[in-house]
């Protein structure tokens, strides 16, 4: 099969498109003929070698943790799908999806409202958001602050929280306020003065917070101070800092049930994954270069 791979850690230039061995569905997994995959921040970190001490890779490796495609193999024990279904989901490890075929260990049917590119953007972001909201518990009647609400994880988390009956205040750039407002989020800018801006939007205080995207300032301590209870703050970014502050740190749980919840948001029109850039597999270097710039969500498409 044709796949993007890198044989050594480094800049996007280490990526090549070449023939690679085909994976096959094993127990409790499925294989898809990939239509699109996403480039997540962790993919950039892994390729650059920034996580080599924590998550060493067997090189050469295929980048990518999530994808969308057509099921063409169903392993023993895999349920809720059959050959020919269009699904999105997560690979079992930390890489493997930017290729002609990929094996998924968590998946869900694609909502008809979504394009293939949007579905490709939903797996890791949606599972991360679902895990984070789950960690916060019952949000009915609560006021939730989301740092980075217009991002991939933040927007999905906002949709989950709103569906649970929460009032959501979300930070982002002003150019991203319209889609947040359309969802029902109360938007504000991030950075210095956040506590005052949040107090104006929530005079009775904030009950919980999700730290889902980095801001130009080191914001997690400020968010903990705004909530007033570190145990009610969850981050998907800063595990070490969270431990120091007493906040919770979570990572995406690879669970088909979570992805079905994500898909339910899509079917109800409550969340549409954001896609900012699309590149064909042949332009994988450009895709990773763009992803490194943190200028929006990047999708890699297959013919």
C-alpha atoms as a PDB file:
ATOM      1  CA  UNK A   1       0.000   0.000   0.000  1.00  0.00           C
ATOM      2  CA  UNK A   2       0.997   3.649  -0.361  1.00  0.00           C
ATOM      3  CA  UNK A   3       1.645   5.398   2.924  1.00  0.00           C
ATOM      4  CA  UNK A   4       3.303   8.425   4.435  1.00  0.00           C
ATOM      5  CA  UNK A   5       6.254   7.368   6.601  1.00  0.00           C
ATOM      6  CA  UNK A   6       9.315   8.770   8.293  1.00  0.00           C
ATOM      7  CA  UNK A   7      12.508   6.815   8.919  1.00  0.00           C
ATOM      8  CA  UNK A   8      13.996   9.260  11.408  1.00  0.00           C
ATOM      9  CA  UNK A   9      12.756  12.034  13.673  1.00  0.00           C
ATOM     10  CA  UNK A  10      12.975  15.569  12.374  1.00  0.00           C
ATOM     11  CA  UNK A  11      11.319  18.376  10.447  1.00  0.00           C
ATOM     12  CA  UNK A  12       8.450  17.715   7.985  1.00  0.00           C
ATOM     13  CA  UNK A  13      11.072  17.023   5.318  1.00  0.00           C
ATOM     14  CA  UNK A  14      11.691  13.569   6.826  1.00  0.00           C
ATOM     15  CA  UNK A  15       8.267  12.481   5.553  1.00  0.00           C
ATOM     16  CA  UNK A  16       8.071  10.405   2.382  1.00  0.00           C
ATOM     17  CA  UNK A  17       5.257   8.674   0.507  1.00  0.00           C
ATOM     18  CA  UNK A  18       6.279   5.107  -0.283  1.00  0.00           C
ATOM     19  CA  UNK A  19       5.147   1.500  -0.360  1.00  0.00           C
ATOM     20  CA  UNK A  20       4.591  -0.022   3.083  1.00  0.00           C
ATOM     21  CA  UNK A  21       3.250  -3.348   4.383  1.00  0.00           C
ATOM     22  CA  UNK A  22      -0.535  -3.562   4.600  1.00  0.00           C
ATOM     23  CA  UNK A  23      -2.000  -3.863   8.108  1.00  0.00           C
ATOM     24  CA  UNK A  24      -4.849  -6.282   8.769  1.00  0.00           C
ATOM     25  CA  UNK A  25      -7.694  -6.343  11.251  1.00  0.00           C
ATOM     26  CA  UNK A  26      -7.037  -8.384  14.363  1.00  0.00           C
ATOM     27  CA  UNK A  27      -9.230  -9.210  17.324  1.00  0.00           C
ATOM     28  CA  UNK A  28     -11.692  -6.430  18.241  1.00  0.00           C
ATOM     29  CA  UNK A  29     -10.494  -4.238  15.392  1.00  0.00           C
ATOM     30  CA  UNK A  30     -11.437  -3.347  11.839  1.00  0.00           C
ATOM     31  CA  UNK A  31      -9.535  -2.254   8.751  1.00  0.00           C
ATOM     32  CA  UNK A  32     -10.640   0.645   6.589  1.00  0.00           C
ATOM     33  CA  UNK A  33      -9.730   1.802   3.118  1.00  0.00           C
ATOM     34  CA  UNK A  34      -8.763   5.306   4.214  1.00  0.00           C
ATOM     35  CA  UNK A  35     -10.448   8.283   2.592  1.00  0.00           C
ATOM     36  CA  UNK A  36      -8.917  10.943   4.852  1.00  0.00           C
ATOM     37  CA  UNK A  37      -6.898  11.290   8.042  1.00  0.00           C
ATOM     38  CA  UNK A  38      -6.055  14.241  10.250  1.00  0.00           C
ATOM     39  CA  UNK A  39      -2.812  15.782  11.453  1.00  0.00           C
ATOM     40  CA  UNK A  40      -3.014  16.344  15.197  1.00  0.00           C
ATOM     41  CA  UNK A  41      -0.568  18.175  17.404  1.00  0.00           C
ATOM     42  CA  UNK A  42       0.676  14.896  18.843  1.00  0.00           C
ATOM     43  CA  UNK A  43       1.523  13.713  15.309  1.00  0.00           C
ATOM     44  CA  UNK A  44       3.765  16.740  14.894  1.00  0.00           C
ATOM     45  CA  UNK A  45       5.408  16.174  18.290  1.00  0.00           C
ATOM     46  CA  UNK A  46       5.997  12.485  17.582  1.00  0.00           C
ATOM     47  CA  UNK A  47       7.522  13.110  14.161  1.00  0.00           C
ATOM     48  CA  UNK A  48       9.796  15.812  15.554  1.00  0.00           C
ATOM     49  CA  UNK A  49      11.049  13.442  18.270  1.00  0.00           C
ATOM     50  CA  UNK A  50       9.777  15.648  21.083  1.00  0.00           C
ATOM     51  CA  UNK A  51       8.087  12.658  22.742  1.00  0.00           C
ATOM     52  CA  UNK A  52      10.754  10.070  21.953  1.00  0.00           C
ATOM     53  CA  UNK A  53      11.607   9.520  25.631  1.00  0.00           C
ATOM     54  CA  UNK A  54       7.964   8.969  26.561  1.00  0.00           C
ATOM     55  CA  UNK A  55       6.522   7.384  23.414  1.00  0.00           C
ATOM     56  CA  UNK A  56       9.402   5.855  21.434  1.00  0.00           C
ATOM     57  CA  UNK A  57       8.409   4.696  17.956  1.00  0.00           C
ATOM     58  CA  UNK A  58       9.528   1.738  15.887  1.00  0.00           C
ATOM     59  CA  UNK A  59      10.861   3.515  12.805  1.00  0.00           C
ATOM     60  CA  UNK A  60       9.911   3.769  10.014  1.00  0.00           C
ATOM     61  CA  UNK A  61       6.439   4.698  11.135  1.00  0.00           C
ATOM     62  CA  UNK A  62       3.212   5.917   9.545  1.00  0.00           C
ATOM     63  CA  UNK A  63       1.912   9.109  11.197  1.00  0.00           C
ATOM     64  CA  UNK A  64      -1.677   9.674  12.234  1.00  0.00           C
ATOM     65  CA  UNK A  65      -4.008   8.559  15.016  1.00  0.00           C
ATOM     66  CA  UNK A  66      -7.458   8.995  13.453  1.00  0.00           C
ATOM     67  CA  UNK A  67      -9.082   8.517  10.068  1.00  0.00           C
ATOM     68  CA  UNK A  68     -12.274   7.941   8.113  1.00  0.00           C
ATOM     69  CA  UNK A  69     -12.881   5.320   5.468  1.00  0.00           C
ATOM     70  CA  UNK A  70     -14.792   2.298   4.228  1.00  0.00           C
ATOM     71  CA  UNK A  71     -14.623  -0.904   6.269  1.00  0.00           C
ATOM     72  CA  UNK A  72     -13.016  -3.717   4.262  1.00  0.00           C
ATOM     73  CA  UNK A  73     -12.008  -6.160   7.039  1.00  0.00           C
ATOM     74  CA  UNK A  74     -13.757  -6.971  10.317  1.00  0.00           C
ATOM     75  CA  UNK A  75     -11.714  -8.759  12.963  1.00  0.00           C
ATOM     76  CA  UNK A  76     -13.040 -11.371  15.380  1.00  0.00           C
ATOM     77  CA  UNK A  77     -14.976  -9.818  18.226  1.00  0.00           C
ATOM     78  CA  UNK A  78     -15.562  -6.530  16.396  1.00  0.00           C
ATOM     79  CA  UNK A  79     -19.212  -5.478  16.511  1.00  0.00           C
ATOM     80  CA  UNK A  80     -21.545  -2.735  15.284  1.00  0.00           C
ATOM     81  CA  UNK A  81     -20.077  -2.612  11.790  1.00  0.00           C
ATOM     82  CA  UNK A  82     -19.683  -4.642   8.604  1.00  0.00           C
ATOM     83  CA  UNK A  83     -17.753  -4.503   5.355  1.00  0.00           C
ATOM     84  CA  UNK A  84     -18.854  -1.500   3.297  1.00  0.00           C
ATOM     85  CA  UNK A  85     -19.751   0.761   6.240  1.00  0.00           C
ATOM     86  CA  UNK A  86     -18.298   4.270   6.298  1.00  0.00           C
ATOM     87  CA  UNK A  87     -16.758   4.890   9.726  1.00  0.00           C
ATOM     88  CA  UNK A  88     -14.412   7.254  11.518  1.00  0.00           C
ATOM     89  CA  UNK A  89     -12.239   6.303  14.432  1.00  0.00           C
ATOM     90  CA  UNK A  90      -8.936   5.819  16.200  1.00  0.00           C
ATOM     91  CA  UNK A  91      -5.943   3.584  15.604  1.00  0.00           C
ATOM     92  CA  UNK A  92      -4.850   1.302  18.412  1.00  0.00           C
ATOM     93  CA  UNK A  93      -1.469   2.928  18.913  1.00  0.00           C
ATOM     94  CA  UNK A  94      -0.049   6.404  18.512  1.00  0.00           C
ATOM     95  CA  UNK A  95       0.367   6.280  14.742  1.00  0.00           C
ATOM     96  CA  UNK A  96      -0.646   4.403  11.570  1.00  0.00           C
ATOM     97  CA  UNK A  97      -3.537   6.131   9.766  1.00  0.00           C
ATOM     98  CA  UNK A  98      -1.970   8.266   7.020  1.00  0.00           C
ATOM     99  CA  UNK A  99      -1.979   5.437   4.547  1.00  0.00           C
ATOM    100  CA  UNK A 100      -4.098   3.592   2.002  1.00  0.00           C
ATOM    101  CA  UNK A 101      -5.330   1.216   4.743  1.00  0.00           C
ATOM    102  CA  UNK A 102      -5.534   1.604   8.511  1.00  0.00           C
ATOM    103  CA  UNK A 103      -6.640  -0.551  11.432  1.00  0.00           C
ATOM    104  CA  UNK A 104      -9.026   1.052  13.921  1.00  0.00           C
ATOM    105  CA  UNK A 105      -9.671  -0.152  17.463  1.00  0.00           C
ATOM    106  CA  UNK A 106     -12.463   2.382  18.183  1.00  0.00           C
ATOM    107  CA  UNK A 107     -14.966   3.593  15.599  1.00  0.00           C
ATOM    108  CA  UNK A 108     -18.454   4.850  14.808  1.00  0.00           C
ATOM    109  CA  UNK A 109     -20.602   5.343  11.738  1.00  0.00           C
ATOM    110  CA  UNK A 110     -20.145   8.728  10.062  1.00  0.00           C
ATOM    111  CA  UNK A 111     -23.095  11.143  10.452  1.00  0.00           C
ATOM    112  CA  UNK A 112     -24.605  11.979   7.066  1.00  0.00           C
ATOM    113  CA  UNK A 113     -24.250  15.691   7.876  1.00  0.00           C
ATOM    114  CA  UNK A 114     -20.446  15.443   7.811  1.00  0.00           C
ATOM    115  CA  UNK A 115     -18.101  15.420   4.847  1.00  0.00           C
ATOM    116  CA  UNK A 116     -15.281  12.878   4.738  1.00  0.00           C
ATOM    117  CA  UNK A 117     -12.819  15.605   5.758  1.00  0.00           C
ATOM    118  CA  UNK A 118     -14.977  16.603   8.728  1.00  0.00           C
ATOM    119  CA  UNK A 119     -15.252  12.983   9.833  1.00  0.00           C
ATOM    120  CA  UNK A 120     -11.479  12.625   9.585  1.00  0.00           C
ATOM    121  CA  UNK A 121     -11.170  15.546  12.005  1.00  0.00           C
ATOM    122  CA  UNK A 122     -13.562  14.046  14.549  1.00  0.00           C
ATOM    123  CA  UNK A 123     -11.843  10.992  16.005  1.00  0.00           C
ATOM    124  CA  UNK A 124      -9.105  12.162  18.352  1.00  0.00           C
ATOM    125  CA  UNK A 125     -10.634  15.573  19.032  1.00  0.00           C
ATOM    126  CA  UNK A 126     -14.048  14.126  19.765  1.00  0.00           C
ATOM    127  CA  UNK A 127     -12.752  11.323  21.990  1.00  0.00           C
ATOM    128  CA  UNK A 128     -10.568  13.782  23.903  1.00  0.00           C
ATOM    129  CA  UNK A 129     -13.491  16.145  24.439  1.00  0.00           C
ATOM    130  CA  UNK A 130     -15.797  13.331  25.515  1.00  0.00           C
ATOM    131  CA  UNK A 131     -13.216  12.035  28.000  1.00  0.00           C
ATOM    132  CA  UNK A 132     -12.701  15.520  29.435  1.00  0.00           C
ATOM    133  CA  UNK A 133     -16.406  16.247  29.835  1.00  0.00           C
ATOM    134  CA  UNK A 134     -16.884  12.824  31.415  1.00  0.00           C
ATOM    135  CA  UNK A 135     -14.171  13.721  33.961  1.00  0.00           C
ATOM    136  CA  UNK A 136     -16.105  16.853  34.950  1.00  0.00           C
ATOM    137  CA  UNK A 137     -19.239  14.884  35.796  1.00  0.00           C
ATOM    138  CA  UNK A 138     -22.780  16.265  35.809  1.00  0.00           C
ATOM    139  CA  UNK A 139     -22.846  19.722  34.204  1.00  0.00           C
ATOM    140  CA  UNK A 140     -26.586  20.373  34.182  1.00  0.00           C
ATOM    141  CA  UNK A 141     -27.134  23.941  35.366  1.00  0.00           C
ATOM    142  CA  UNK A 142     -23.382  24.561  35.699  1.00  0.00           C
ATOM    143  CA  UNK A 143     -21.299  27.301  34.119  1.00  0.00           C
ATOM    144  CA  UNK A 144     -18.271  25.905  32.289  1.00  0.00           C
ATOM    145  CA  UNK A 145     -15.271  27.893  31.055  1.00  0.00           C
ATOM    146  CA  UNK A 146     -13.443  26.399  28.054  1.00  0.00           C
ATOM    147  CA  UNK A 147     -10.030  27.778  27.167  1.00  0.00           C
ATOM    148  CA  UNK A 148      -9.742  27.300  23.405  1.00  0.00           C
ATOM    149  CA  UNK A 149     -13.429  26.761  22.672  1.00  0.00           C
ATOM    150  CA  UNK A 150     -13.059  27.317  18.924  1.00  0.00           C
ATOM    151  CA  UNK A 151     -10.435  24.593  18.568  1.00  0.00           C
ATOM    152  CA  UNK A 152     -11.048  20.987  17.590  1.00  0.00           C
ATOM    153  CA  UNK A 153     -11.275  19.662  21.165  1.00  0.00           C
ATOM    154  CA  UNK A 154     -12.805  22.796  22.656  1.00  0.00           C
ATOM    155  CA  UNK A 155     -15.675  23.029  20.190  1.00  0.00           C
ATOM    156  CA  UNK A 156     -16.588  19.371  20.678  1.00  0.00           C
ATOM    157  CA  UNK A 157     -16.438  19.810  24.454  1.00  0.00           C
ATOM    158  CA  UNK A 158     -18.654  22.881  24.189  1.00  0.00           C
ATOM    159  CA  UNK A 159     -21.223  20.873  22.235  1.00  0.00           C
ATOM    160  CA  UNK A 160     -21.194  18.098  24.847  1.00  0.00           C
ATOM    161  CA  UNK A 161     -21.517  20.593  27.706  1.00  0.00           C
ATOM    162  CA  UNK A 162     -24.346  22.544  26.081  1.00  0.00           C
ATOM    163  CA  UNK A 163     -26.208  19.300  25.381  1.00  0.00           C
ATOM    164  CA  UNK A 164     -25.783  18.421  29.075  1.00  0.00           C
ATOM    165  CA  UNK A 165     -27.482  21.667  30.108  1.00  0.00           C
ATOM    166  CA  UNK A 166     -24.455  23.802  30.948  1.00  0.00           C
ATOM    167  CA  UNK A 167     -23.823  27.458  30.228  1.00  0.00           C
ATOM    168  CA  UNK A 168     -20.533  27.642  28.324  1.00  0.00           C
ATOM    169  CA  UNK A 169     -18.077  30.532  28.228  1.00  0.00           C
ATOM    170  CA  UNK A 170     -15.388  29.957  25.634  1.00  0.00           C
ATOM    171  CA  UNK A 171     -12.157  31.751  24.817  1.00  0.00           C
ATOM    172  CA  UNK A 172     -10.860  32.245  21.298  1.00  0.00           C
ATOM    173  CA  UNK A 173      -9.816  34.770  18.715  1.00  0.00           C
ATOM    174  CA  UNK A 174     -12.437  37.353  17.836  1.00  0.00           C
ATOM    175  CA  UNK A 175     -12.638  36.059  14.262  1.00  0.00           C
ATOM    176  CA  UNK A 176     -13.925  32.775  15.699  1.00  0.00           C
ATOM    177  CA  UNK A 177     -16.697  34.348  17.788  1.00  0.00           C
ATOM    178  CA  UNK A 178     -19.509  33.904  15.194  1.00  0.00           C
ATOM    179  CA  UNK A 179     -19.390  30.079  15.082  1.00  0.00           C
ATOM    180  CA  UNK A 180     -19.137  29.955  18.880  1.00  0.00           C
ATOM    181  CA  UNK A 181     -22.162  32.219  19.235  1.00  0.00           C
ATOM    182  CA  UNK A 182     -24.051  30.101  16.713  1.00  0.00           C
ATOM    183  CA  UNK A 183     -23.460  27.078  18.967  1.00  0.00           C
ATOM    184  CA  UNK A 184     -24.712  28.952  22.022  1.00  0.00           C
ATOM    185  CA  UNK A 185     -21.301  29.658  23.573  1.00  0.00           C
ATOM    186  CA  UNK A 186     -20.602  33.002  25.261  1.00  0.00           C
ATOM    187  CA  UNK A 187     -17.285  33.985  23.639  1.00  0.00           C
ATOM    188  CA  UNK A 188     -14.460  36.070  25.033  1.00  0.00           C
ATOM    189  CA  UNK A 189     -10.813  36.580  24.201  1.00  0.00           C
ATOM    190  CA  UNK A 190      -8.032  34.797  26.045  1.00  0.00           C
ATOM    191  CA  UNK A 191      -5.000  36.337  27.710  1.00  0.00           C
ATOM    192  CA  UNK A 192      -4.532  38.999  30.414  1.00  0.00           C
ATOM    193  CA  UNK A 193      -7.742  40.217  32.011  1.00  0.00           C
ATOM    194  CA  UNK A 194      -9.543  36.896  31.513  1.00  0.00           C
ATOM    195  CA  UNK A 195     -10.852  36.809  35.089  1.00  0.00           C
ATOM    196  CA  UNK A 196     -12.523  40.190  34.685  1.00  0.00           C
ATOM    197  CA  UNK A 197     -14.058  39.294  31.322  1.00  0.00           C
ATOM    198  CA  UNK A 198     -15.380  36.002  32.654  1.00  0.00           C
ATOM    199  CA  UNK A 199     -16.821  37.730  35.742  1.00  0.00           C
ATOM    200  CA  UNK A 200     -18.752  40.080  33.462  1.00  0.00           C
ATOM    201  CA  UNK A 201     -20.243  37.103  31.599  1.00  0.00           C
ATOM    202  CA  UNK A 202     -20.811  34.974  34.718  1.00  0.00           C
ATOM    203  CA  UNK A 203     -21.441  37.254  37.707  1.00  0.00           C
ATOM    204  CA  UNK A 204     -22.376  34.227  39.841  1.00  0.00           C
ATOM    205  CA  UNK A 205     -19.057  32.549  39.133  1.00  0.00           C
ATOM    206  CA  UNK A 206     -17.771  29.590  37.148  1.00  0.00           C
ATOM    207  CA  UNK A 207     -18.349  26.019  38.352  1.00  0.00           C
ATOM    208  CA  UNK A 208     -15.779  24.177  36.244  1.00  0.00           C
ATOM    209  CA  UNK A 209     -13.264  24.681  33.454  1.00  0.00           C
ATOM    210  CA  UNK A 210     -11.597  22.821  30.616  1.00  0.00           C
ATOM    211  CA  UNK A 211      -8.123  23.843  29.437  1.00  0.00           C
ATOM    212  CA  UNK A 212      -8.187  22.559  25.850  1.00  0.00           C
ATOM    213  CA  UNK A 213      -5.811  24.788  23.889  1.00  0.00           C
ATOM    214  CA  UNK A 214      -2.689  26.793  24.647  1.00  0.00           C
ATOM    215  CA  UNK A 215      -2.958  30.564  24.794  1.00  0.00           C
ATOM    216  CA  UNK A 216      -0.119  33.091  24.388  1.00  0.00           C
ATOM    217  CA  UNK A 217      -0.046  33.370  28.194  1.00  0.00           C
ATOM    218  CA  UNK A 218       0.405  30.520  30.664  1.00  0.00           C
ATOM    219  CA  UNK A 219      -3.278  30.256  31.471  1.00  0.00           C
ATOM    220  CA  UNK A 220      -3.853  27.126  33.560  1.00  0.00           C
ATOM    221  CA  UNK A 221      -3.072  28.808  36.921  1.00  0.00           C
ATOM    222  CA  UNK A 222      -5.398  31.684  35.987  1.00  0.00           C
ATOM    223  CA  UNK A 223      -8.173  29.246  35.109  1.00  0.00           C
ATOM    224  CA  UNK A 224      -7.762  27.416  38.430  1.00  0.00           C
ATOM    225  CA  UNK A 225      -7.992  30.778  40.228  1.00  0.00           C
ATOM    226  CA  UNK A 226     -11.146  31.721  38.295  1.00  0.00           C
ATOM    227  CA  UNK A 227     -12.892  28.472  39.250  1.00  0.00           C
ATOM    228  CA  UNK A 228     -11.578  28.547  42.797  1.00  0.00           C
ATOM    229  CA  UNK A 229     -11.382  24.750  42.997  1.00  0.00           C
ATOM    230  CA  UNK A 230      -8.567  22.944  41.184  1.00  0.00           C
ATOM    231  CA  UNK A 231     -10.459  19.647  41.355  1.00  0.00           C
ATOM    232  CA  UNK A 232     -13.068  21.147  39.014  1.00  0.00           C
ATOM    233  CA  UNK A 233     -10.486  22.012  36.346  1.00  0.00           C
ATOM    234  CA  UNK A 234      -9.503  19.540  33.609  1.00  0.00           C
ATOM    235  CA  UNK A 235      -6.673  19.955  31.112  1.00  0.00           C
ATOM    236  CA  UNK A 236      -5.900  17.920  28.012  1.00  0.00           C
ATOM    237  CA  UNK A 237      -2.512  19.599  27.604  1.00  0.00           C
ATOM    238  CA  UNK A 238      -0.459  20.132  30.742  1.00  0.00           C
ATOM    239  CA  UNK A 239      -0.240  16.969  32.856  1.00  0.00           C
ATOM    240  CA  UNK A 240       2.769  18.068  34.895  1.00  0.00           C
ATOM    241  CA  UNK A 241       1.392  21.531  35.585  1.00  0.00           C
ATOM    242  CA  UNK A 242      -2.016  20.059  36.418  1.00  0.00           C
ATOM    243  CA  UNK A 243      -0.425  17.796  39.031  1.00  0.00           C
ATOM    244  CA  UNK A 244       1.354  20.766  40.594  1.00  0.00           C
ATOM    245  CA  UNK A 245      -1.880  22.761  40.781  1.00  0.00           C
ATOM    246  CA  UNK A 246      -4.168  19.913  41.836  1.00  0.00           C
ATOM    247  CA  UNK A 247      -6.134  19.944  38.570  1.00  0.00           C
ATOM    248  CA  UNK A 248      -7.058  16.857  36.530  1.00  0.00           C
ATOM    249  CA  UNK A 249      -5.253  15.802  33.355  1.00  0.00           C
ATOM    250  CA  UNK A 250      -6.920  13.521  30.809  1.00  0.00           C
ATOM    251  CA  UNK A 251      -6.114  11.929  27.470  1.00  0.00           C
ATOM    252  CA  UNK A 252      -8.505  10.537  24.882  1.00  0.00           C
ATOM    253  CA  UNK A 253      -9.893   7.136  25.768  1.00  0.00           C
ATOM    254  CA  UNK A 254      -9.986   4.790  22.792  1.00  0.00           C
ATOM    255  CA  UNK A 255     -13.592   3.703  23.186  1.00  0.00           C
ATOM    256  CA  UNK A 256     -16.189   3.142  20.471  1.00  0.00           C
ATOM    257  CA  UNK A 257     -18.934   4.181  22.899  1.00  0.00           C
ATOM    258  CA  UNK A 258     -17.371   7.637  23.195  1.00  0.00           C
ATOM    259  CA  UNK A 259     -17.163   7.935  19.416  1.00  0.00           C
ATOM    260  CA  UNK A 260     -20.813   6.966  19.097  1.00  0.00           C
ATOM    261  CA  UNK A 261     -21.585   9.844  21.481  1.00  0.00           C
ATOM    262  CA  UNK A 262     -19.491  12.126  19.256  1.00  0.00           C
ATOM    263  CA  UNK A 263     -21.390  10.936  16.187  1.00  0.00           C
ATOM    264  CA  UNK A 264     -24.694  11.579  17.961  1.00  0.00           C
ATOM    265  CA  UNK A 265     -23.704  15.238  18.318  1.00  0.00           C
ATOM    266  CA  UNK A 266     -23.078  15.315  14.574  1.00  0.00           C
ATOM    267  CA  UNK A 267     -26.358  13.669  13.674  1.00  0.00           C
ATOM    268  CA  UNK A 268     -28.217  16.185  15.850  1.00  0.00           C
ATOM    269  CA  UNK A 269     -26.422  19.091  14.199  1.00  0.00           C
ATOM    270  CA  UNK A 270     -24.810  20.095  17.502  1.00  0.00           C
ATOM    271  CA  UNK A 271     -21.186  19.766  16.365  1.00  0.00           C
ATOM    272  CA  UNK A 272     -19.478  19.963  12.999  1.00  0.00           C
ATOM    273  CA  UNK A 273     -15.717  19.290  13.101  1.00  0.00           C
ATOM    274  CA  UNK A 274     -13.716  22.211  11.798  1.00  0.00           C
ATOM    275  CA  UNK A 275     -11.495  21.731   8.741  1.00  0.00           C
ATOM    276  CA  UNK A 276      -9.185  24.548   7.665  1.00  0.00           C
ATOM    277  CA  UNK A 277      -6.758  22.898   5.233  1.00  0.00           C
ATOM    278  CA  UNK A 278      -6.868  19.809   3.016  1.00  0.00           C
ATOM    279  CA  UNK A 279      -3.826  18.261   1.330  1.00  0.00           C
ATOM    280  CA  UNK A 280      -3.513  15.122  -0.821  1.00  0.00           C
ATOM    281  CA  UNK A 281      -1.283  12.353   0.507  1.00  0.00           C
ATOM    282  CA  UNK A 282       1.394  13.335  -2.007  1.00  0.00           C
ATOM    283  CA  UNK A 283       1.695  16.685  -0.202  1.00  0.00           C
ATOM    284  CA  UNK A 284       2.243  15.234   3.268  1.00  0.00           C
ATOM    285  CA  UNK A 285       5.230  17.522   3.901  1.00  0.00           C
ATOM    286  CA  UNK A 286       3.056  20.578   3.265  1.00  0.00           C
ATOM    287  CA  UNK A 287       0.364  19.134   5.533  1.00  0.00           C
ATOM    288  CA  UNK A 288       2.745  18.752   8.470  1.00  0.00           C
ATOM    289  CA  UNK A 289       4.361  22.118   7.813  1.00  0.00           C
ATOM    290  CA  UNK A 290       0.946  23.773   7.969  1.00  0.00           C
ATOM    291  CA  UNK A 291       0.001  21.828  11.096  1.00  0.00           C
ATOM    292  CA  UNK A 292       3.191  23.014  12.797  1.00  0.00           C
ATOM    293  CA  UNK A 293       2.093  26.617  12.234  1.00  0.00           C
ATOM    294  CA  UNK A 294      -1.016  25.973  14.398  1.00  0.00           C
ATOM    295  CA  UNK A 295      -3.068  27.770  11.784  1.00  0.00           C
ATOM    296  CA  UNK A 296      -6.116  25.522  11.815  1.00  0.00           C
ATOM    297  CA  UNK A 297      -7.054  21.875  11.393  1.00  0.00           C
ATOM    298  CA  UNK A 298      -5.227  19.948   8.673  1.00  0.00           C
ATOM    299  CA  UNK A 299      -6.648  16.942   6.815  1.00  0.00           C
ATOM    300  CA  UNK A 300      -4.805  14.565   4.470  1.00  0.00           C
ATOM    301  CA  UNK A 301      -7.017  13.106   1.740  1.00  0.00           C
ATOM    302  CA  UNK A 302      -6.678   9.937  -0.320  1.00  0.00           C
ATOM    303  CA  UNK A 303      -7.622   9.604  -4.034  1.00  0.00           C
END
